[in-house]
C-alpha cells in the first residue's frame, strides 16, 4: 500500500511539474527554455561533507534534481574518513523555488536514493600493539530533504536533513549546507 501511495504522489508531482513547463501566454504550445544547473555542496555540523548535484530547471518555480553524489564524515579522532563515512547517491528529486527579492529565493527540495555507511571499530587484543578491526557496513534507502535561501545568483545557504532506512531500523542526521551554483 505504501508503494502505491508513493507512486501516486510521484505521479502528481510529475504532472504538476510538467504544467510549469509551458509559458503563461496565449500560445501554450511554446515550451519555456529549461536550463541545466550544477551545484557543489559543503555540509557542516560536528562532521563535514561534500557533494555534487546536477539539476534541470524546468520553470521559474521548479526543477528536477537529476543525479547527485555526496560524501560525509566526521571531525573527531575516531571519525576520520578511514574510520567512518557515508556515501550518498541521489536520483530524481524535486526542488521548488520561491523568488523573494531580485536574486534572493527560498528553496525546498527532496531527493531519494541509495546510501552506503561504514564504520571501523578497533578492539585491543592481549598486547598493546596487537589489535583487530571490524568494519560495520550498511546499505540503506536514503532521503535528503533541504530548505534554505539562495542569497546570491551563485550562492545558497540552507539546512539539510538526511534520513536513512535499512533492515536494522532508521537514522537521521542534520546538516548545515553551503551551496555554490554553476
Protein backbone atom coordinates (compact mmCIF):
# COMPACT_ATOMS: atom_id res chain seq x y z
CA UNK A 1 0.00 0.00 0.00
CA UNK A 2 2.87 2.38 0.81
CA UNK A 3 4.45 1.79 -2.60
CA UNK A 4 1.17 2.58 -4.36
CA UNK A 5 0.80 5.81 -2.38
CA UNK A 6 4.40 6.74 -3.20
CA UNK A 7 3.81 6.17 -6.93
CA UNK A 8 0.58 8.20 -6.82
CA UNK A 9 2.43 11.04 -5.05
CA UNK A 10 5.27 10.96 -7.61
CA UNK A 11 2.71 10.96 -10.44
CA UNK A 12 1.01 14.05 -9.03
CA UNK A 13 4.37 15.80 -8.64
CA UNK A 14 5.27 14.89 -12.23
CA UNK A 15 2.01 16.27 -13.60
CA UNK A 16 2.41 19.45 -11.57
CA UNK A 17 5.97 19.88 -12.80
CA UNK A 18 5.01 19.36 -16.43
CA UNK A 19 2.32 22.02 -16.06
CA UNK A 20 5.09 24.51 -15.18
CA UNK A 21 6.91 23.91 -18.46
CA UNK A 22 4.52 25.97 -20.58
CA UNK A 23 4.80 29.75 -20.69
CA UNK A 24 1.94 31.86 -19.39
CA UNK A 25 0.82 33.22 -22.73
CA UNK A 26 -1.98 32.70 -25.19
CA UNK A 27 0.18 30.26 -27.17
CA UNK A 28 0.64 27.28 -24.83
CA UNK A 29 2.38 25.18 -27.46
CA UNK A 30 5.65 27.03 -26.86
CA UNK A 31 7.80 25.40 -24.23
CA UNK A 32 9.90 27.62 -21.98
CA UNK A 33 13.60 27.03 -22.08
CA UNK A 34 14.80 24.60 -19.45
CA UNK A 35 18.33 25.01 -18.10
CA UNK A 36 20.89 22.62 -16.73
CA UNK A 37 22.42 23.73 -13.42
CA UNK A 38 25.20 22.30 -11.32
CA UNK A 39 25.65 22.58 -7.58
CA UNK A 40 28.65 21.97 -5.33
CA UNK A 41 27.69 21.50 -1.67
CA UNK A 42 29.68 21.74 1.54
CA UNK A 43 27.95 20.15 4.56
CA UNK A 44 28.92 21.07 8.12
CA UNK A 45 27.93 20.17 11.71
CA UNK A 46 30.05 18.06 14.07
CA UNK A 47 31.15 16.39 10.84
CA UNK A 48 31.85 17.53 7.30
CA UNK A 49 30.76 16.56 3.83
CA UNK A 50 30.96 17.49 0.17
CA UNK A 51 28.53 16.86 -2.66
CA UNK A 52 27.76 17.49 -6.30
CA UNK A 53 24.28 17.71 -7.89
CA UNK A 54 23.03 18.10 -11.48
CA UNK A 55 19.67 19.84 -11.81
CA UNK A 56 17.31 20.50 -14.71
CA UNK A 57 15.39 23.76 -14.13
CA UNK A 58 12.10 23.30 -15.99
CA UNK A 59 10.41 26.50 -14.89
CA UNK A 60 10.71 29.56 -12.70
CA UNK A 61 9.46 27.72 -9.62
CA UNK A 62 10.50 24.10 -10.07
CA UNK A 63 13.45 21.92 -11.04
CA UNK A 64 14.46 18.27 -11.05
CA UNK A 65 17.48 17.09 -9.05
CA UNK A 66 18.51 14.60 -11.73
CA UNK A 67 21.59 13.00 -10.14
CA UNK A 68 23.90 13.70 -7.25
CA UNK A 69 26.60 12.21 -5.10
CA UNK A 70 27.95 13.21 -1.70
CA UNK A 71 30.38 12.02 0.96
CA UNK A 72 30.11 12.79 4.68
CA UNK A 73 32.48 12.04 7.54
CA UNK A 74 33.48 13.39 10.96
CA UNK A 75 35.97 15.80 12.51
CA UNK A 76 36.94 13.83 15.58
CA UNK A 77 39.92 11.48 16.01
CA UNK A 78 37.65 8.42 15.87
CA UNK A 79 35.62 9.64 12.90
CA UNK A 80 38.27 10.25 10.25
CA UNK A 81 37.42 9.19 6.66
CA UNK A 82 39.30 5.90 7.00
CA UNK A 83 37.17 5.01 10.08
CA UNK A 84 33.74 6.48 9.35
CA UNK A 85 31.90 7.64 6.24
CA UNK A 86 28.57 7.97 4.47
CA UNK A 87 28.34 7.84 0.67
CA UNK A 88 25.06 9.06 -0.87
CA UNK A 89 23.90 8.54 -4.45
CA UNK A 90 20.73 10.52 -5.19
CA UNK A 91 18.42 10.34 -8.20
CA UNK A 92 15.27 12.11 -9.39
CA UNK A 93 14.41 14.57 -6.68
CA UNK A 94 12.43 17.77 -6.92
CA UNK A 95 13.36 21.35 -5.96
CA UNK A 96 10.87 24.17 -5.51
CA UNK A 97 11.96 27.83 -5.72
CA UNK A 98 10.07 30.85 -4.41
CA UNK A 99 11.54 34.17 -5.64
CA UNK A 100 11.51 36.76 -2.84
CA UNK A 101 13.54 39.77 -3.98
CA UNK A 102 15.85 40.09 -7.02
CA UNK A 103 18.25 37.11 -6.73
CA UNK A 104 17.03 36.14 -3.22
CA UNK A 105 14.99 32.91 -3.36
CA UNK A 106 13.62 30.43 -0.85
CA UNK A 107 14.08 26.79 -1.85
CA UNK A 108 12.84 23.43 -0.61
CA UNK A 109 13.87 20.08 -2.04
CA UNK A 110 13.65 16.34 -1.55
CA UNK A 111 15.89 13.79 -3.29
CA UNK A 112 15.74 10.00 -2.67
CA UNK A 113 18.48 7.49 -3.40
CA UNK A 114 20.98 4.95 -2.10
CA UNK A 115 23.26 5.34 0.93
CA UNK A 116 26.30 3.29 1.94
CA UNK A 117 27.61 3.76 5.51
CA UNK A 118 30.72 2.28 7.06
CA UNK A 119 32.34 2.47 10.50
CA UNK A 120 35.56 0.79 11.60
CA UNK A 121 35.92 -0.38 15.21
CA UNK A 122 39.32 -1.20 16.71
CA UNK A 123 39.42 -3.74 19.52
CA UNK A 124 42.62 -4.20 21.59
CA UNK A 125 43.99 -7.67 21.93
CA UNK A 126 46.22 -9.09 24.70
CA UNK A 127 49.25 -6.95 23.91
CA UNK A 128 49.08 -3.20 23.45
CA UNK A 129 50.49 -3.32 19.91
CA UNK A 130 48.22 -6.02 18.53
CA UNK A 131 44.57 -5.36 17.74
CA UNK A 132 41.90 -6.44 15.30
CA UNK A 133 39.41 -4.32 13.45
CA UNK A 134 35.83 -4.84 12.46
CA UNK A 135 34.10 -2.84 9.74
CA UNK A 136 30.35 -2.38 10.05
CA UNK A 137 28.66 -1.66 6.73
CA UNK A 138 25.08 -0.69 5.93
CA UNK A 139 23.27 -0.36 2.61
CA UNK A 140 20.26 1.91 3.02
CA UNK A 141 17.49 3.80 1.32
CA UNK A 142 18.38 7.47 1.79
CA UNK A 143 16.36 10.65 1.54
CA UNK A 144 17.79 14.16 1.62
CA UNK A 145 15.38 16.98 2.41
CA UNK A 146 16.60 20.54 2.42
CA UNK A 147 15.43 24.12 2.72
CA UNK A 148 17.18 27.45 2.68
CA UNK A 149 17.82 30.66 0.84
CA UNK A 150 19.64 31.31 -2.39
CA UNK A 151 21.18 34.61 -1.26
CA UNK A 152 23.05 35.43 -4.49
CA UNK A 153 22.84 34.10 -8.03
CA UNK A 154 25.55 31.53 -7.31
CA UNK A 155 25.39 31.03 -3.52
CA UNK A 156 22.81 29.31 -1.31
CA UNK A 157 22.73 28.77 2.46
CA UNK A 158 20.47 26.14 3.93
CA UNK A 159 19.63 23.17 6.13
CA UNK A 160 19.80 19.53 5.05
CA UNK A 161 18.09 16.59 6.76
CA UNK A 162 19.43 13.16 5.76
CA UNK A 163 17.20 10.18 6.56
CA UNK A 164 18.41 6.56 6.24
CA UNK A 165 16.41 3.31 6.39
CA UNK A 166 17.75 -0.24 6.33
CA UNK A 167 16.67 -3.59 7.74
CA UNK A 168 18.00 -2.72 11.21
CA UNK A 169 15.97 0.47 11.62
CA UNK A 170 16.40 4.06 10.63
CA UNK A 171 18.65 7.02 11.40
CA UNK A 172 18.88 10.69 10.54
CA UNK A 173 21.48 13.46 10.52
CA UNK A 174 21.04 17.24 10.46
CA UNK A 175 23.49 19.33 8.39
CA UNK A 176 24.12 22.96 7.61
CA UNK A 177 24.75 23.41 3.89
CA UNK A 178 26.60 25.97 1.78
CA UNK A 179 25.99 25.54 -1.96
CA UNK A 180 27.83 27.05 -4.91
CA UNK A 181 25.63 27.03 -8.03
CA UNK A 182 27.10 26.99 -11.53
